[in-house]
Protein backbone atom coordinates (compact mmCIF):
# COMPACT_ATOMS: atom_id res chain seq x y z
CA MET A 1 -4.30 59.60 25.71
CA THR A 2 -5.39 59.94 22.08
CA LYS A 3 -2.45 60.37 19.74
CA GLN A 4 -2.44 63.62 17.73
CA ILE A 5 -1.05 64.02 14.23
CA THR A 6 1.60 66.38 15.65
CA ASP A 7 3.00 63.33 17.49
CA LEU A 8 3.66 61.54 14.19
CA ASN A 9 7.00 61.34 12.42
CA PRO A 10 8.47 63.24 10.79
CA GLN A 11 7.18 65.89 13.15
CA ALA A 12 8.63 68.65 10.96
CA ILE A 13 5.97 67.80 8.34
CA TRP A 14 3.03 66.93 10.57
CA LYS A 15 3.23 70.11 12.66
CA HIS A 16 2.73 72.19 9.52
CA PHE A 17 0.01 69.90 8.22
CA ALA A 18 -1.85 70.25 11.53
CA ALA A 19 -1.60 74.04 11.21
CA ILE A 20 -2.82 73.93 7.61
CA CYS A 21 -5.84 71.82 8.64
CA ASN A 22 -6.81 74.71 10.92
CA ILE A 23 -6.60 77.22 8.06
CA PRO A 24 -9.56 77.07 5.65
CA HIS A 25 -8.08 76.89 2.14
CA PRO A 26 -10.50 75.60 -0.50
CA SER A 27 -9.84 76.67 -4.07
CA GLY A 28 -10.50 80.36 -4.48
CA HIS A 29 -9.77 81.07 -0.82
CA THR A 30 -6.00 80.73 -0.36
CA GLU A 31 -5.23 84.12 1.19
CA ALA A 32 -4.93 82.79 4.74
CA ILE A 33 -2.71 79.82 3.88
CA ALA A 34 -0.55 82.08 1.71
CA GLU A 35 -0.04 84.38 4.71
CA TYR A 36 0.88 81.38 6.86
CA ILE A 37 3.49 80.25 4.32
CA LEU A 38 4.88 83.76 3.94
CA GLY A 39 5.08 84.01 7.71
CA VAL A 40 7.23 80.88 7.89
CA GLY A 41 9.60 82.22 5.24
CA LYS A 42 9.94 85.66 6.80
CA GLN A 43 10.45 84.23 10.28
CA LEU A 44 13.36 82.24 8.85
CA GLY A 45 14.80 85.40 7.32
CA LEU A 46 14.42 84.05 3.78
CA GLU A 47 13.48 85.98 0.65
CA SER A 48 9.69 85.57 0.63
CA PHE A 49 7.09 87.20 -1.62
CA ARG A 50 3.85 86.79 -3.52
CA ASP A 51 3.81 87.28 -7.28
CA LYS A 52 1.05 89.04 -9.21
CA ALA A 53 -0.76 85.72 -9.69
CA GLY A 54 -1.04 85.11 -5.94
CA ASN A 55 1.62 82.40 -5.81
CA VAL A 56 4.13 82.39 -2.95
CA VAL A 57 7.86 82.09 -3.61
CA ILE A 58 10.53 81.55 -0.95
CA ARG A 59 14.24 81.25 -1.71
CA LYS A 60 16.71 79.50 0.56
CA PRO A 61 20.47 79.63 -0.07
CA ALA A 62 22.59 76.51 -0.28
CA THR A 63 24.02 75.01 2.87
CA PRO A 64 27.80 75.35 3.35
CA GLY A 65 29.70 73.19 0.88
CA MET A 66 26.70 72.79 -1.46
CA GLU A 67 26.93 76.16 -3.19
CA ASN A 68 28.02 74.57 -6.47
CA ARG A 69 24.91 72.38 -6.74
CA GLN A 70 22.21 73.11 -9.28
CA SER A 71 19.35 75.21 -7.98
CA ILE A 72 16.09 73.30 -7.57
CA ILE A 73 12.40 74.20 -7.30
CA LEU A 74 10.20 72.45 -4.72
CA GLN A 75 6.60 72.98 -5.84
CA GLY A 76 3.15 72.30 -4.44
CA HIS A 77 -0.29 73.94 -4.51
CA MET A 78 -1.98 75.73 -1.63
CA ASP A 79 -5.66 74.91 -2.29
CA MET A 80 -7.68 71.81 -1.47
CA VAL A 81 -10.83 70.21 -2.89
CA PRO A 82 -13.87 70.89 -0.65
CA GLN A 83 -16.09 67.79 -0.45
CA ALA A 84 -18.24 66.64 2.49
CA ASN A 85 -20.56 63.73 3.10
CA LYS A 86 -24.24 64.42 2.59
CA ASN A 87 -26.01 66.04 5.55
CA VAL A 88 -22.67 67.14 7.03
CA GLN A 89 -22.66 70.84 7.86
CA HIS A 90 -19.16 72.02 7.00
CA ASN A 91 -18.26 75.46 5.66
CA PHE A 92 -14.88 75.02 3.97
CA GLU A 93 -14.36 78.79 3.91
CA THR A 94 -14.56 79.12 7.70
CA ASP A 95 -14.39 75.68 9.37
CA PRO A 96 -11.15 73.79 10.07
CA ILE A 97 -10.50 70.26 8.85
CA VAL A 98 -10.62 67.75 11.71
CA PRO A 99 -7.95 65.08 11.12
CA ARG A 100 -7.90 61.73 12.88
CA ILE A 101 -5.63 58.68 12.93
CA VAL A 102 -7.20 55.41 11.79
CA ASP A 103 -5.16 52.19 11.46
CA GLY A 104 -1.98 53.75 10.14
CA TRP A 105 -3.69 56.44 8.10
CA VAL A 106 -4.67 60.06 8.65
CA MET A 107 -8.09 61.06 7.36
CA ALA A 108 -10.60 63.81 8.04
CA THR A 109 -14.02 63.58 9.67
CA ASP A 110 -16.69 63.40 6.94
CA THR A 111 -14.77 65.75 4.62
CA THR A 112 -11.83 65.80 2.31
CA LEU A 113 -8.55 65.92 4.23
CA GLY A 114 -6.48 68.20 2.04
CA ALA A 115 -3.45 65.90 2.07
CA ASP A 116 -3.67 66.73 -1.63
CA ASN A 117 -1.57 68.91 -1.55
CA GLY A 118 -1.20 69.87 2.11
CA ILE A 119 1.41 67.18 2.73
CA GLY A 120 3.49 68.48 -0.18
CA VAL A 121 3.23 72.05 1.09
CA SER A 122 4.12 70.96 4.63
CA THR A 123 7.13 69.04 3.35
CA ILE A 124 8.47 72.09 1.54
CA LEU A 125 8.07 74.18 4.70
CA ALA A 126 9.92 71.50 6.67
CA VAL A 127 12.80 71.67 4.18
CA LEU A 128 12.93 75.46 4.51
CA GLU A 129 13.11 75.17 8.31
CA ALA A 130 15.68 72.35 8.40
CA THR A 131 19.12 73.26 9.71
CA ASP A 132 20.73 69.81 9.36
CA LEU A 133 19.74 69.05 5.77
CA PRO A 134 22.42 69.45 3.05
CA HIS A 135 21.10 71.02 -0.14
CA GLY A 136 21.93 73.41 -2.94
CA PRO A 137 19.97 76.61 -3.64
CA ILE A 138 16.21 76.11 -3.30
CA GLU A 139 13.26 77.98 -4.77
CA ALA A 140 10.00 77.00 -3.04
CA LEU A 141 6.94 77.63 -5.22
CA PHE A 142 3.45 77.44 -3.71
CA THR A 143 0.80 77.90 -6.40
CA ARG A 144 -2.81 78.99 -5.96
CA ASP A 145 -6.03 77.37 -7.19
CA GLU A 146 -4.59 74.28 -8.84
CA GLU A 147 -7.73 72.26 -8.30
CA THR A 148 -10.10 74.60 -10.15
CA GLY A 149 -8.00 75.39 -13.20
CA MET A 150 -4.30 75.60 -12.30
CA TYR A 151 -4.60 79.39 -12.36
CA GLY A 152 -1.49 80.05 -10.31
CA ALA A 153 0.70 78.01 -12.66
CA LYS A 154 -0.96 79.53 -15.72
CA ASP A 155 -0.27 83.07 -14.49
CA LEU A 156 3.36 82.56 -13.45
CA GLU A 157 5.43 85.61 -14.32
CA PRO A 158 7.96 84.90 -17.09
CA GLY A 159 11.54 84.73 -15.89
CA MET A 160 10.65 84.70 -12.20
CA LEU A 161 11.97 81.18 -11.61
CA LYS A 162 15.73 80.76 -11.92
CA SER A 163 16.11 76.99 -11.46
CA LYS A 164 16.12 74.36 -14.21
CA ILE A 165 15.05 71.39 -12.05
CA LEU A 166 11.60 71.06 -10.46
CA LEU A 167 10.29 68.56 -7.95
CA ASN A 168 6.50 68.56 -7.95
CA LEU A 169 5.30 67.12 -4.60
CA ASP A 170 1.75 66.40 -5.74
CA SER A 171 1.64 62.72 -6.67
CA GLU A 172 -0.13 60.12 -4.61
CA THR A 173 1.62 56.74 -4.53
CA ASN A 174 4.75 56.04 -2.50
CA GLY A 175 7.47 54.46 -4.62
CA GLU A 176 6.30 55.93 -7.92
CA LEU A 177 8.02 58.63 -9.96
CA TYR A 178 5.90 60.42 -12.54
CA MET A 179 7.50 61.85 -15.66
CA SER A 180 4.38 62.90 -17.59
CA CYS A 181 0.74 63.81 -17.03
CA ALA A 182 -2.47 64.46 -18.90
CA GLY A 183 -3.67 67.82 -20.12
CA GLY A 184 -7.29 68.85 -19.82
CA ILE A 185 -10.09 71.03 -21.10
CA ASP A 186 -13.38 72.17 -19.58
CA ILE A 187 -16.51 71.73 -21.70
CA GLU A 188 -19.69 73.57 -20.78
CA ALA A 189 -23.09 73.09 -22.41
CA GLU A 190 -26.02 75.41 -21.72
CA PHE A 191 -29.70 74.92 -22.53
CA ARG A 192 -32.14 77.79 -22.11
CA TYR A 193 -35.88 77.18 -21.98
CA GLN A 194 -39.14 78.78 -20.93
CA GLU A 195 -40.58 76.98 -17.94
CA LYS A 196 -44.19 75.80 -18.20
CA GLU A 197 -46.83 76.15 -15.53
CA SER A 198 -47.65 72.83 -13.87
CA ALA A 199 -51.02 71.79 -15.30
CA HIS A 200 -53.62 69.44 -13.83
CA LEU A 201 -51.91 69.46 -10.44
CA GLU A 202 -54.74 67.52 -8.87
CA GLU A 203 -53.93 64.64 -11.19
CA CYS A 204 -50.20 64.52 -10.36
CA LEU A 205 -47.76 63.90 -7.52
CA ALA A 206 -44.24 65.25 -7.06
CA TYR A 207 -41.24 63.17 -5.95
CA LYS A 208 -37.66 63.95 -5.07
CA VAL A 209 -35.51 61.19 -6.55
CA THR A 210 -32.10 60.95 -4.90
CA LEU A 211 -29.01 58.93 -5.72
CA GLY A 212 -26.33 59.10 -3.03
CA GLY A 213 -23.69 57.31 -0.99
CA LEU A 214 -21.31 56.90 -3.94
CA LEU A 215 -17.54 56.90 -3.59
CA GLY A 216 -16.81 59.60 -6.13
CA GLY A 217 -13.12 60.38 -6.19
CA HIS A 218 -10.51 62.01 -8.40
CA SER A 219 -11.74 62.33 -11.97
CA GLY A 220 -8.29 61.48 -13.31
CA LEU A 221 -6.71 59.03 -10.89
CA ASP A 222 -9.93 57.11 -10.17
CA ILE A 223 -11.64 57.28 -13.56
CA ASN A 224 -10.68 53.69 -14.44
CA LEU A 225 -11.92 52.12 -11.19
CA GLY A 226 -15.47 51.46 -12.37
CA ARG A 227 -17.13 53.84 -9.93
CA LEU A 228 -20.63 55.03 -10.68
CA ASN A 229 -21.13 58.58 -11.96
CA ALA A 230 -24.25 59.92 -10.21
CA ASN A 231 -25.25 62.14 -13.15
CA LYS A 232 -24.91 59.41 -15.73
CA ALA A 233 -26.96 56.98 -13.63
CA MET A 234 -29.70 59.48 -12.81
CA PHE A 235 -30.25 60.46 -16.43
CA ARG A 236 -30.40 56.80 -17.36
CA PHE A 237 -33.23 56.58 -14.86
CA LEU A 238 -34.92 59.73 -16.11
CA LYS A 239 -35.01 58.55 -19.72
CA ILE A 240 -37.02 55.47 -18.72
CA ALA A 241 -39.15 57.37 -16.20
CA VAL A 242 -40.18 59.89 -18.84
CA GLY A 243 -40.66 57.38 -21.63
CA CYS A 244 -42.50 54.68 -19.70
CA TYR A 245 -44.20 56.41 -16.76
CA SER A 246 -44.98 59.89 -18.17
CA ALA A 247 -42.73 61.57 -15.60
CA ARG A 248 -41.87 65.24 -16.07
CA LEU A 249 -38.68 66.88 -14.90
CA ALA A 250 -38.98 70.06 -12.83
CA SER A 251 -35.39 70.58 -11.63
CA TYR A 252 -32.08 68.76 -11.27
CA ASN A 253 -28.85 69.07 -9.29
CA GLY A 254 -25.91 66.66 -9.50
CA GLY A 255 -22.18 66.93 -8.81
CA THR A 256 -20.25 69.80 -7.28
CA LEU A 257 -16.71 69.92 -8.74
CA ARG A 258 -15.33 69.59 -12.26
CA ASN A 259 -12.48 67.32 -11.16
CA ALA A 260 -14.44 65.03 -8.82
CA ILE A 261 -16.56 62.09 -9.92
CA PRO A 262 -20.09 63.10 -8.83
CA ARG A 263 -21.26 61.23 -5.74
CA GLU A 264 -24.82 62.53 -5.44
CA ALA A 265 -27.67 63.66 -7.68
CA GLU A 266 -31.22 64.84 -7.05
CA ALA A 267 -34.15 65.29 -9.44
CA ILE A 268 -37.62 66.72 -8.78
CA VAL A 269 -40.13 64.93 -10.99
CA VAL A 270 -43.89 65.03 -11.40
CA VAL A 271 -45.79 61.81 -12.04
CA PRO A 272 -49.49 61.22 -12.91
CA ARG A 273 -51.37 59.74 -9.96
CA VAL A 274 -52.55 56.85 -12.11
CA ARG A 275 -48.92 55.83 -12.71
CA GLU A 276 -47.65 56.38 -9.18
CA ARG A 277 -47.61 52.75 -8.13
CA LYS A 278 -45.78 51.60 -11.25
CA PHE A 279 -43.38 54.53 -11.00
CA LEU A 280 -42.45 53.70 -7.41
CA SER A 281 -42.03 50.06 -8.36
CA PHE A 282 -39.66 51.17 -11.12
CA VAL A 283 -37.69 53.28 -8.63
CA GLU A 284 -37.22 50.23 -6.44
CA ASN A 285 -36.26 48.03 -9.39
CA PHE A 286 -33.83 50.61 -10.74
CA GLY A 287 -32.15 50.85 -7.34
CA ASP A 288 -31.85 47.05 -7.32
CA THR A 289 -30.31 47.18 -10.80
CA LEU A 290 -27.67 49.67 -9.67
CA GLN A 291 -26.94 47.51 -6.64
CA HIS A 292 -26.54 44.48 -8.90
CA GLU A 293 -24.25 46.33 -11.32
CA TYR A 294 -22.22 48.43 -8.87
CA GLY A 295 -22.86 47.14 -5.34
CA TYR A 296 -19.52 45.39 -5.13
CA ILE A 297 -17.85 48.78 -5.67
CA GLU A 298 -20.43 51.25 -4.36
CA THR A 299 -21.18 49.65 -1.01
CA GLY A 300 -22.97 52.76 0.31
CA LEU A 301 -25.22 53.32 -2.71
CA THR A 302 -28.78 54.52 -2.02
CA PHE A 303 -31.55 55.29 -4.52
CA THR A 304 -34.84 56.64 -3.21
CA ALA A 305 -37.97 58.59 -4.16
CA THR A 306 -39.73 60.62 -1.48
CA PRO A 307 -42.88 62.77 -1.81
CA THR A 308 -42.19 66.48 -2.06
CA GLU A 309 -44.01 69.75 -2.62
CA MET A 310 -45.49 70.18 -6.08
CA PRO A 311 -43.29 72.55 -8.15
CA ASP A 312 -44.94 75.56 -9.73
CA LYS A 313 -43.23 75.03 -13.08
CA LEU A 314 -41.78 72.23 -15.19
CA MET A 315 -39.26 71.98 -17.98
CA PRO A 316 -41.08 71.97 -21.35
CA GLU A 317 -41.04 68.50 -22.84
CA PRO A 318 -38.79 69.35 -25.83
CA ALA A 319 -36.12 70.87 -23.56
CA GLN A 320 -36.48 68.02 -21.09
CA ASP A 321 -36.04 65.42 -23.83
CA ASP A 322 -33.08 67.24 -25.38
CA LEU A 323 -31.27 67.40 -22.04
CA ILE A 324 -31.99 63.78 -21.15
CA ASN A 325 -30.98 62.46 -24.58
CA ALA A 326 -27.79 64.53 -24.73
CA ILE A 327 -26.58 63.39 -21.32
CA ASN A 328 -27.43 59.78 -22.07
CA ALA A 329 -25.39 60.05 -25.28
CA CYS A 330 -22.51 62.00 -23.73
CA HIS A 331 -19.31 60.03 -23.22
CA ASN A 332 -18.26 59.57 -19.61
CA GLY A 333 -15.28 57.63 -18.27
CA VAL A 334 -12.29 56.09 -20.02
CA TYR A 335 -12.17 56.89 -23.74
CA ARG A 336 -8.81 55.42 -24.73
CA MET A 337 -5.79 53.73 -23.17
CA ILE A 338 -2.24 54.63 -24.21
CA PRO A 339 -1.51 52.26 -27.12
CA ASP A 340 2.06 51.44 -26.08
CA ALA A 341 1.22 51.46 -22.36
CA PRO A 342 -2.22 49.79 -22.28
CA GLU A 343 -2.42 49.80 -18.48
CA VAL A 344 -2.46 53.62 -18.45
CA VAL A 345 -5.50 55.75 -19.30
CA GLU A 346 -4.74 58.17 -22.12
CA THR A 347 -8.07 59.98 -22.60
CA SER A 348 -11.20 60.29 -20.47
CA SER A 349 -14.09 62.56 -19.56
CA ASN A 350 -15.97 63.27 -16.35
CA LEU A 351 -19.64 64.30 -16.55
CA ALA A 352 -19.04 66.41 -13.49
CA ILE A 353 -21.89 68.85 -12.85
CA VAL A 354 -25.46 69.05 -14.15
CA THR A 355 -28.01 71.58 -12.96
CA ALA A 356 -31.44 72.53 -14.31
CA ASN A 357 -33.62 75.20 -12.73
CA SER A 358 -35.35 78.51 -13.52
CA GLY A 359 -35.05 78.18 -17.27
CA VAL A 360 -31.38 77.22 -17.49
CA ALA A 361 -29.74 73.80 -17.67
CA GLU A 362 -25.95 73.68 -17.39
CA VAL A 363 -23.61 70.75 -17.95
CA LYS A 364 -19.91 70.85 -17.02
CA ILE A 365 -17.46 68.21 -18.20
CA LEU A 366 -13.70 67.84 -17.74
CA ALA A 367 -11.91 65.97 -20.52
CA ARG A 368 -8.35 64.79 -19.95
CA SER A 369 -5.69 63.29 -22.19
CA SER A 370 -1.94 62.89 -22.44
CA SER A 371 -2.46 63.31 -26.20
CA GLU A 372 -3.37 66.81 -27.36
CA THR A 373 -5.01 65.46 -30.51
CA GLN A 374 -7.11 62.91 -28.63
CA LYS A 375 -8.08 65.53 -26.03
CA TYR A 376 -9.60 67.71 -28.71
CA THR A 377 -11.09 64.72 -30.55
CA LEU A 378 -13.04 63.76 -27.45
CA ALA A 379 -13.97 67.38 -26.73
CA SER A 380 -15.26 67.72 -30.29
CA GLU A 381 -17.39 64.57 -29.95
CA ILE A 382 -18.92 65.89 -26.73
CA GLU A 383 -19.50 69.28 -28.35
CA SER A 384 -21.32 67.58 -31.23
CA THR A 385 -23.51 65.60 -28.82
CA PHE A 386 -24.80 68.72 -27.10
CA ALA A 387 -24.88 70.93 -30.21
CA LEU A 388 -27.20 68.43 -31.90
CA ALA A 389 -29.51 68.77 -28.90
CA GLY A 390 -29.58 72.55 -29.29
CA ALA A 391 -27.19 73.54 -26.49
CA LYS A 392 -24.64 76.33 -26.60
CA VAL A 393 -21.24 74.68 -26.08
CA THR A 394 -18.05 76.43 -24.96
CA PHE A 395 -14.50 75.31 -24.22
CA ASP A 396 -12.44 76.86 -21.44
CA GLY A 397 -9.46 76.29 -19.17
CA ALA A 398 -7.41 74.16 -21.55
CA TYR A 399 -4.01 73.21 -20.22
CA PRO A 400 -1.25 71.13 -21.82
CA GLY A 401 -0.01 67.73 -20.83
CA TRP A 402 3.55 67.02 -19.78
CA GLU A 403 5.63 65.05 -22.26
CA PRO A 404 7.97 62.37 -20.83
CA ASN A 405 11.74 62.90 -20.87
CA LEU A 406 13.53 59.58 -20.60
CA GLN A 407 16.89 61.40 -20.44
CA SER A 408 15.85 63.40 -17.36
CA VAL A 409 18.81 64.06 -15.06
CA ILE A 410 16.64 64.37 -11.97
CA LEU A 411 14.89 61.08 -12.78
CA HIS A 412 18.19 59.24 -12.98
CA THR A 413 19.40 61.01 -9.83
CA MET A 414 16.41 59.77 -7.86
CA LEU A 415 16.09 56.20 -9.13
CA PRO A 416 19.14 54.80 -7.26
CA LEU A 417 17.90 56.27 -3.96
CA TYR A 418 14.72 54.22 -3.64
CA PRO A 419 16.00 50.66 -2.88
CA ASP A 420 17.83 51.78 0.27
CA ILE A 421 14.96 53.95 1.49
CA ILE A 422 11.81 51.96 0.70
CA GLY A 423 13.37 48.54 0.03
CA ARG A 424 12.47 48.32 -3.64
CA LYS A 425 13.01 50.02 -6.96
CA ALA A 426 10.90 53.01 -7.88
CA GLU A 427 8.33 52.61 -10.63
CA VAL A 428 8.49 55.22 -13.38
CA LYS A 429 4.99 56.08 -14.54
CA MET A 430 2.72 58.38 -16.50
CA MET A 431 -0.25 59.98 -14.71
CA HIS A 432 -3.78 60.40 -16.01
CA ALA A 433 -4.35 63.52 -13.98
CA GLY A 434 -3.44 67.13 -14.41
CA LEU A 435 -0.23 68.31 -12.82
CA GLU A 436 1.14 71.82 -12.95
CA CYS A 437 4.29 70.41 -14.56
CA GLY A 438 2.71 70.63 -18.00
CA ILE A 439 1.92 74.32 -17.63
CA ILE A 440 5.21 75.21 -15.93
CA GLY A 441 7.12 73.25 -18.56
CA ALA A 442 5.38 75.15 -21.33
CA ALA A 443 6.31 78.47 -19.68
CA TYR A 444 9.88 77.35 -18.91
CA PRO A 445 11.04 75.15 -21.82
CA GLY A 446 13.71 72.67 -20.86
CA MET A 447 12.69 72.47 -17.20
CA ASP A 448 13.71 69.03 -15.88
CA MET A 449 10.79 67.76 -13.76
CA ILE A 450 9.64 64.81 -11.67
CA SER A 451 6.47 64.41 -9.59
CA PHE A 452 6.25 62.16 -6.54
CA GLY A 453 4.59 61.97 -3.15
CA PRO A 454 3.36 59.78 -0.30
CA THR A 455 0.44 57.40 -0.63
CA ILE A 456 -2.86 59.29 -0.64
CA GLU A 457 -6.02 57.34 -1.35
CA HIS A 458 -9.39 58.66 -2.60
CA PRO A 459 -8.38 62.31 -3.07
CA HIS A 460 -11.26 64.68 -3.92
CA SER A 461 -13.66 62.67 -1.78
CA PRO A 462 -14.50 62.47 1.95
CA GLN A 463 -12.72 59.11 2.00
CA GLU A 464 -9.38 60.81 1.32
CA ARG A 465 -6.60 59.50 3.54
CA VAL A 466 -2.79 59.58 3.68
CA ASN A 467 -0.61 56.68 4.79
CA ILE A 468 1.54 57.65 7.77
CA GLU A 469 4.51 55.38 7.02
CA SER A 470 4.64 56.63 3.43
CA VAL A 471 5.02 60.23 4.64
CA GLN A 472 8.24 59.22 6.43
CA ASN A 473 9.45 57.48 3.25
CA PHE A 474 8.53 60.57 1.24
CA TRP A 475 10.52 62.82 3.57
CA ASP A 476 13.55 60.52 3.39
CA ILE A 477 13.41 60.57 -0.43
CA VAL A 478 13.13 64.37 -0.52
CA CYS A 479 16.12 64.75 1.81
CA ALA A 480 18.23 62.23 -0.11
CA THR A 481 17.36 63.83 -3.44
CA LEU A 482 18.40 67.29 -2.25
CA ALA A 483 21.68 65.88 -1.01
CA HIS A 484 22.39 64.26 -4.39
CA ILE A 485 21.47 67.09 -6.75
CA PRO A 486 24.31 67.25 -9.30
CA ALA A 487 26.79 70.08 -9.46
CA ASP A 488 26.01 73.09 -11.59
CA ASN A 489 28.59 72.13 -14.24
CA GLN A 490 27.25 68.61 -14.76
């Protein structure tokens, strides 16, 4: 009989994760999962409510004998990143996630799994249900729409949280404790143009050029892994195609999410018949070049050109050239490492989404940095790149980073627990990804915070998977930490 994830240990976590997989909960659609969480709290007879921002809060009293312990917040986010493999028909707003067990890991079937942050949410629910787990007072905080802008954390009501210690259960490597994270800012560039009628159609052919099969991944955690950005590669191709083969751009679509490295891109181009053979030869050669440069990483990479219906209109050449040149010049990837921690990315950008159609071209970029000054330095450079090309550039969704606290009480409470539980010391690290800790810490100055979690690989992509053994380790660490929270007078 095929083993189900509800058979895995600890069952208290996996039963909730299985239920969450059956509840569609992409960013922007967290009503149903919020009701599920509220239902658990109310069934347990615990104080359970939603705040004005749509976050869920559940409070559980201390177990007998632990009443003098400091109150602690267990925090995770309710939404997941919706990504599916190409040609997979999956509606994340209505269809369940289908998990499967593969060689010691749980992963989905051709979609993101939602272990980010479904495992964290399930762990908090398991703590709330536990009757044999010693702990002080607990505030469980489930935030909405973390993946699209951390809106739940940003809109937290002042004074609602009473605790001064927070455990964020949204990190992705077993055995690592995170004490800081990067902040971020969204950069949007918009070009407007008047489309031109396609002239001399009998002398031209239209092709759909497609780049696909890339790994993609988390635009913070995976930005230093050398993965190919589909938008950056496609516009590299378009610059040569336009300059050397008289190609014209009709429309473009690449990337889907601001915080995911784009895996696919598609351009509709028109090419003179007399240059068709050389153009197709260039397509083949360019695909070979990408294979040579990235094939050892991007093992599923495909680059093709297929005949398509002739478009009625094209981008005017000046607008086409401005867009192509700006994107070729735009920084993408790692910008700077932390000077005193050179193995950690400090600042980066992700050329996330590019679309061009019906007279509007839009570019969306997410810049991240653990340095506020470097974050805005990079954002300013990107702004200048697109402003010089005539685009309207706007900034939005800025959120702060989380500064490290080497004197953290909760950090030094947790460090001694790891050798006995996982057989080695914990590594204390800084994360080049956005965590809600930065925003919560800004709203609640002095909050003592740590982020940790099980091992989750390739979040924000259909290759996302969570290691089963690490979930047990994670649970054991959570339980041990709650049992060792210091007394309120310490």
